[in-house]
Amino acid sequence: MRWADGFIAVDWGTTNRRAYLIDGSGKCSDEFEDHKGVLSVPAGGFPDAVGEIRQRLGDKPLLLAGMIGSNRGWKEAPYVPCPAGIDELAKALVWVGEREAIVPGVSYLKNERADVMRGEEVQLLGAVAAGSVDPDGLVCHPGTHNKWATLREGAISEFRTVMTGELFSLLKEHSILSDFLKGPVEPNDVFKQAAAYAISHEALPAALFSVRARVLLGQSKKEDAASYASGLLIGADVRVGLSYPTGAEITVIGRPELTQLYAAAVAQASRTVVELDGEQSFLAGIHEIAKRI
């Protein structure tokens, strides 16, 4: 078996999976994405799910990252403690068979604060390997559970998770605000106004109720309510990230529809921000890990 001849990389999350065929030069030559996340795979069904990937992309070794290594996935891959770089991830790979390896997540534990990530670490360290991010910088990774990570000498030194995406979803589906959050979220002036407010104030629960009150009292249009609520949540999220004592450039890595929102919010704090595509960062990171096998 020669990984240098090519392999399949899989970013396998809770509800989705993305698989990439990587050739010997490290380039992606084929890919697919579907909704067969780890929660959709029945007990004992991962060998078949992996077989489906090979049927679509070829009979190659697999390097798997994300929730596939959780206690809900195929085989649990213990977390690597901070500080964690590419070398630490490669040394801690968990092998399921001779041709299937799972990338571990990363953990942070200090004093009374505990945190974990799975999948984001490949993108964060991939961006470092690609030279796209300051190896001593501050990185934001938006998603259901947003991550703020500080880098030191190219390794993840510390990070904090903020449940912003999940909170917005819960408010949209199960709160008094649900009828007001049907519209699209845009990084418009309403969003920026709300983000600026949340960055400079700590009263997020009270501010969220004002989403409804502003519409009822004619201070805001109902179609802008989703952008305003999102601005409040992301602004509060950015406030957490800005608590790290660094003036380093902030890099936001992920899907463009999310990075643009966070970039707009960060700009309200007069901080320099750069957006990076999460997929390209993942491919850079997974290739670096494969080179060490």
Protein backbone atom coordinates (compact mmCIF):
# COMPACT_ATOMS: atom_id res chain seq x y z
CA MET A 1 0.00 0.00 0.00
CA ARG A 2 1.41 3.38 -1.04
CA TRP A 3 -0.37 6.49 0.21
CA ALA A 4 1.92 8.50 -2.06
CA ASP A 5 0.04 7.04 -5.04
CA GLY A 6 -3.21 8.63 -3.86
CA PHE A 7 -5.89 8.21 -1.24
CA ILE A 8 -9.46 9.20 -0.35
CA ALA A 9 -9.97 11.94 2.25
CA VAL A 10 -13.31 12.18 4.05
CA ASP A 11 -14.59 15.05 6.17
CA TRP A 12 -17.36 13.11 7.94
CA GLY A 13 -19.62 15.20 10.12
CA THR A 14 -22.74 14.63 12.16
CA THR A 15 -25.22 15.20 9.32
CA ASN A 16 -23.05 15.40 6.17
CA ARG A 17 -19.98 13.86 4.65
CA ARG A 18 -17.62 15.15 1.96
CA ALA A 19 -15.22 12.77 0.22
CA TYR A 20 -12.28 13.69 -2.01
CA LEU A 21 -10.07 11.59 -4.27
CA ILE A 22 -6.51 12.88 -3.80
CA ASP A 23 -3.93 11.99 -6.45
CA GLY A 24 -0.19 11.46 -5.95
CA SER A 25 0.55 15.16 -6.31
CA GLY A 26 -1.91 16.09 -3.56
CA LYS A 27 -4.55 17.46 -5.95
CA CYS A 28 -8.25 16.63 -5.71
CA SER A 29 -9.32 14.83 -8.88
CA ASP A 30 -12.87 13.86 -7.89
CA GLU A 31 -15.27 14.46 -5.00
CA PHE A 32 -18.83 14.17 -3.75
CA GLU A 33 -20.95 15.38 -0.86
CA ASP A 34 -24.10 13.89 0.63
CA HIS A 35 -26.21 13.88 3.78
CA LYS A 36 -24.98 10.54 5.14
CA GLY A 37 -23.47 11.91 8.33
CA VAL A 38 -22.52 9.63 11.21
CA LEU A 39 -25.97 9.84 12.80
CA SER A 40 -27.56 8.40 9.65
CA VAL A 41 -25.38 5.26 9.71
CA PRO A 42 -27.00 2.37 11.62
CA ALA A 43 -25.10 0.38 14.21
CA GLY A 44 -22.52 -1.78 12.48
CA GLY A 45 -23.13 0.01 9.19
CA PHE A 46 -19.86 1.88 8.77
CA PRO A 47 -18.08 -0.81 6.71
CA ASP A 48 -20.90 -0.59 4.16
CA ALA A 49 -20.85 3.22 4.27
CA VAL A 50 -17.10 3.18 3.62
CA GLY A 51 -17.66 0.68 0.82
CA GLU A 52 -20.04 3.15 -0.85
CA ILE A 53 -17.30 5.78 -0.83
CA ARG A 54 -14.84 3.43 -2.53
CA GLN A 55 -17.44 2.44 -5.09
CA ARG A 56 -17.76 6.10 -6.09
CA LEU A 57 -14.12 7.21 -5.86
CA GLY A 58 -12.02 4.06 -6.25
CA ASP A 59 -10.29 1.37 -4.21
CA LYS A 60 -7.87 3.61 -2.33
CA PRO A 61 -6.74 4.00 1.30
CA LEU A 62 -9.01 6.24 3.38
CA LEU A 63 -8.05 9.05 5.73
CA LEU A 64 -11.13 10.06 7.74
CA ALA A 65 -11.65 13.19 9.85
CA GLY A 66 -14.48 14.69 11.87
CA MET A 67 -17.24 13.03 13.88
CA ILE A 68 -16.39 9.64 12.36
CA GLY A 69 -13.83 9.48 15.19
CA SER A 70 -16.32 10.35 17.94
CA ASN A 71 -18.14 7.95 20.26
CA ARG A 72 -21.02 8.13 17.74
CA GLY A 73 -18.75 7.25 14.81
CA TRP A 74 -16.96 4.20 13.43
CA LYS A 75 -14.16 3.97 16.00
CA GLU A 76 -13.33 6.50 18.68
CA ALA A 77 -10.09 8.40 18.16
CA PRO A 78 -8.94 9.93 21.48
CA TYR A 79 -8.36 13.68 21.52
CA VAL A 80 -4.85 15.10 21.23
CA PRO A 81 -4.31 17.76 23.93
CA CYS A 82 -3.21 21.30 23.11
CA PRO A 83 -0.73 22.36 21.93
CA ALA A 84 -1.42 20.25 18.83
CA GLY A 85 0.10 20.47 15.35
CA ILE A 86 0.11 18.29 12.24
CA ASP A 87 2.81 16.01 13.65
CA GLU A 88 0.80 15.33 16.81
CA LEU A 89 -2.31 14.47 14.77
CA ALA A 90 -0.36 12.14 12.47
CA LYS A 91 1.23 10.29 15.38
CA ALA A 92 -2.18 9.73 17.02
CA LEU A 93 -4.04 8.33 13.98
CA VAL A 94 -6.40 5.48 14.90
CA TRP A 95 -6.40 2.59 12.44
CA VAL A 96 -9.59 0.63 11.79
CA GLY A 97 -8.05 -1.69 9.22
CA GLU A 98 -4.82 -1.68 7.23
CA ARG A 99 -6.15 0.97 4.84
CA GLU A 100 -8.47 3.11 6.99
CA ALA A 101 -7.14 5.69 9.44
CA ILE A 102 -9.08 8.20 11.56
CA VAL A 103 -7.68 11.61 12.47
CA PRO A 104 -8.05 12.43 16.19
CA GLY A 105 -9.71 15.58 17.43
CA VAL A 106 -8.07 18.15 19.71
CA SER A 107 -8.85 18.94 23.36
CA TYR A 108 -8.18 21.83 25.69
CA LEU A 109 -8.26 21.47 29.47
CA LYS A 110 -7.02 24.11 31.88
CA ASN A 111 -8.27 25.12 35.31
CA GLU A 112 -12.06 24.62 35.09
CA ARG A 113 -12.41 25.10 31.33
CA ALA A 114 -12.75 22.10 29.02
CA ASP A 115 -13.25 22.10 25.25
CA VAL A 116 -13.02 19.74 22.27
CA MET A 117 -13.07 19.88 18.48
CA ARG A 118 -13.27 17.28 15.69
CA GLY A 119 -12.67 18.15 12.04
CA GLU A 120 -11.93 21.84 12.46
CA GLU A 121 -8.34 21.03 13.48
CA VAL A 122 -7.56 19.72 9.98
CA GLN A 123 -8.71 23.00 8.41
CA LEU A 124 -6.93 25.21 10.96
CA LEU A 125 -3.62 23.40 10.61
CA GLY A 126 -4.08 23.00 6.86
CA ALA A 127 -4.29 26.78 6.53
CA VAL A 128 -1.02 27.04 8.46
CA ALA A 129 0.65 24.44 6.23
CA ALA A 130 -0.54 26.29 3.12
CA GLY A 131 0.94 29.53 4.43
CA SER A 132 -2.50 31.15 4.40
CA VAL A 133 -2.65 32.04 8.08
CA ASP A 134 -0.27 33.57 10.62
CA PRO A 135 1.32 30.67 12.57
CA ASP A 136 0.89 32.83 15.69
CA GLY A 137 -2.49 34.22 14.74
CA LEU A 138 -6.12 34.11 15.85
CA VAL A 139 -8.48 31.93 13.81
CA CYS A 140 -12.27 31.77 13.74
CA HIS A 141 -14.05 28.70 12.31
CA PRO A 142 -17.80 29.40 11.94
CA GLY A 143 -20.30 26.59 12.05
CA THR A 144 -22.99 25.08 14.24
CA HIS A 145 -20.41 25.26 17.03
CA ASN A 146 -18.02 28.07 16.16
CA LYS A 147 -14.36 27.78 17.20
CA TRP A 148 -11.94 30.53 18.19
CA ALA A 149 -8.37 29.23 18.20
CA THR A 150 -5.03 30.81 19.00
CA LEU A 151 -2.00 29.48 17.15
CA ARG A 152 1.54 29.36 18.49
CA GLU A 153 4.38 28.36 16.19
CA GLY A 154 1.88 26.76 13.84
CA ALA A 155 0.13 24.61 16.45
CA ILE A 156 -3.29 25.01 18.08
CA SER A 157 -2.42 26.49 21.47
CA GLU A 158 -5.86 27.21 22.91
CA PHE A 159 -9.44 27.37 21.66
CA ARG A 160 -13.00 28.08 22.73
CA THR A 161 -16.30 26.83 21.29
CA VAL A 162 -19.35 29.11 20.99
CA MET A 163 -22.71 27.47 20.17
CA THR A 164 -23.88 30.33 17.97
CA GLY A 165 -25.19 28.35 15.00
CA GLU A 166 -27.13 25.95 17.20
CA LEU A 167 -28.57 28.81 19.26
CA PHE A 168 -29.82 30.55 16.12
CA SER A 169 -31.42 27.30 14.95
CA LEU A 170 -33.13 26.76 18.30
CA LEU A 171 -34.45 30.33 18.34
CA LYS A 172 -35.69 29.92 14.78
CA GLU A 173 -37.54 26.68 15.47
CA HIS A 174 -38.52 26.69 19.16
CA SER A 175 -38.79 30.23 20.54
CA ILE A 176 -41.09 33.23 20.66
CA LEU A 177 -38.92 34.67 17.90
CA SER A 178 -39.53 31.82 15.47
CA ASP A 179 -42.12 33.69 13.43
CA PHE A 180 -39.69 36.60 13.02
CA LEU A 181 -36.69 34.57 11.83
CA LYS A 182 -38.06 33.11 8.59
CA GLY A 183 -36.20 35.47 6.29
CA PRO A 184 -32.64 35.26 4.96
CA VAL A 185 -29.63 36.47 6.92
CA GLU A 186 -27.54 39.05 5.09
CA PRO A 187 -24.43 41.02 6.21
CA ASN A 188 -26.35 44.25 5.64
CA ASP A 189 -26.54 47.45 7.70
CA VAL A 190 -29.12 45.91 10.06
CA PHE A 191 -26.83 42.93 10.70
CA LYS A 192 -23.82 45.20 11.24
CA GLN A 193 -25.75 47.46 13.63
CA ALA A 194 -26.75 44.47 15.76
CA ALA A 195 -23.24 42.99 15.68
CA ALA A 196 -21.69 46.28 16.78
CA TYR A 197 -24.18 46.50 19.67
CA ALA A 198 -23.46 42.94 20.85
CA ILE A 199 -19.69 43.42 20.63
CA SER A 200 -19.88 46.39 22.99
CA HIS A 201 -22.62 45.12 25.35
CA GLU A 202 -23.00 41.98 27.45
CA ALA A 203 -26.81 41.80 27.70
CA LEU A 204 -27.42 39.27 24.90
CA PRO A 205 -30.55 37.59 26.40
CA ALA A 206 -32.24 40.98 26.78
CA ALA A 207 -31.12 42.14 23.34
CA LEU A 208 -32.59 39.01 21.74
CA PHE A 209 -36.06 39.79 23.10
CA SER A 210 -35.78 43.21 21.46
CA VAL A 211 -35.80 41.47 18.05
CA ARG A 212 -39.53 40.95 18.49
CA ALA A 213 -40.20 44.22 20.29
CA ARG A 214 -38.50 46.31 17.59
CA VAL A 215 -40.84 44.89 14.96
CA LEU A 216 -43.97 45.25 17.11
CA LEU A 217 -43.15 48.91 17.85
CA GLY A 218 -42.35 49.79 14.26
CA GLN A 219 -38.60 50.25 14.82
CA SER A 220 -37.60 47.48 12.42
CA LYS A 221 -39.03 45.59 9.47
CA LYS A 222 -40.05 42.00 10.06
CA GLU A 223 -38.03 40.87 7.03
CA ASP A 224 -34.89 42.28 8.70
CA ALA A 225 -35.43 40.45 11.98
CA ALA A 226 -33.37 37.38 11.02
CA SER A 227 -30.38 39.52 10.08
CA TYR A 228 -30.71 41.52 13.28
CA ALA A 229 -30.92 38.40 15.48
CA SER A 230 -28.00 36.81 13.66
CA GLY A 231 -26.01 40.02 14.10
CA LEU A 232 -26.62 39.95 17.84
CA LEU A 233 -25.57 36.32 18.17
CA ILE A 234 -22.50 36.60 15.95
CA GLY A 235 -21.53 39.90 17.56
CA ALA A 236 -21.63 38.23 20.99
CA ASP A 237 -19.59 35.38 19.50
CA VAL A 238 -16.99 37.84 18.18
CA ARG A 239 -16.87 39.45 21.63
CA VAL A 240 -15.69 36.08 22.97
CA GLY A 241 -13.01 35.82 20.28
CA LEU A 242 -11.77 39.34 20.89
CA SER A 243 -11.22 38.52 24.56
CA TYR A 244 -8.00 36.79 23.53
CA PRO A 245 -5.20 39.29 24.24
CA THR A 246 -3.75 39.50 20.75
CA GLY A 247 -3.67 42.14 18.07
CA ALA A 248 -2.94 39.55 15.39
CA GLU A 249 -4.85 39.52 12.14
CA ILE A 250 -8.02 37.43 12.43
CA THR A 251 -8.56 34.69 9.86
CA VAL A 252 -12.06 33.27 9.32
CA ILE A 253 -12.08 29.77 7.78
CA GLY A 254 -15.16 27.94 6.53
CA ARG A 255 -18.01 28.10 4.08
CA PRO A 256 -18.25 31.49 2.31
CA GLU A 257 -21.87 32.09 3.39
CA LEU A 258 -20.71 31.94 7.02
CA THR A 259 -17.28 33.55 6.76
CA GLN A 260 -18.78 36.68 5.19
CA LEU A 261 -21.08 37.14 8.19
CA TYR A 262 -18.27 36.76 10.70
CA ALA A 263 -15.95 38.98 8.67
CA ALA A 264 -18.62 41.70 8.64
CA ALA A 265 -19.06 41.41 12.41
CA VAL A 266 -15.31 41.45 13.13
CA ALA A 267 -14.98 44.57 10.99
CA GLN A 268 -17.36 46.35 13.40
CA ALA A 269 -14.61 46.06 16.01
CA SER A 270 -12.13 47.74 13.62
CA ARG A 271 -10.02 44.57 13.38
CA THR A 272 -8.35 43.29 10.22
CA VAL A 273 -9.93 40.08 8.97
CA VAL A 274 -9.19 37.64 6.14
CA GLU A 275 -11.57 34.96 4.81
CA LEU A 276 -10.37 31.52 3.74
CA ASP A 277 -12.25 28.69 2.04
CA GLY A 278 -12.68 25.78 4.45
CA GLU A 279 -12.60 23.09 1.80
CA GLN A 280 -9.21 24.15 0.47
CA SER A 281 -7.84 24.38 4.00
CA PHE A 282 -9.13 20.87 4.75
CA LEU A 283 -7.45 19.45 1.65
CA ALA A 284 -4.16 21.13 2.58
CA GLY A 285 -4.32 19.73 6.11
CA ILE A 286 -5.33 16.19 5.21
CA HIS A 287 -2.56 16.03 2.59
CA GLU A 288 0.02 17.07 5.20
CA ILE A 289 -1.19 14.30 7.51
CA ALA A 290 -1.09 11.71 4.71
CA LYS A 291 2.50 12.67 3.88
CA ARG A 292 3.49 11.55 7.39
CA ILE A 293 2.00 8.06 7.10
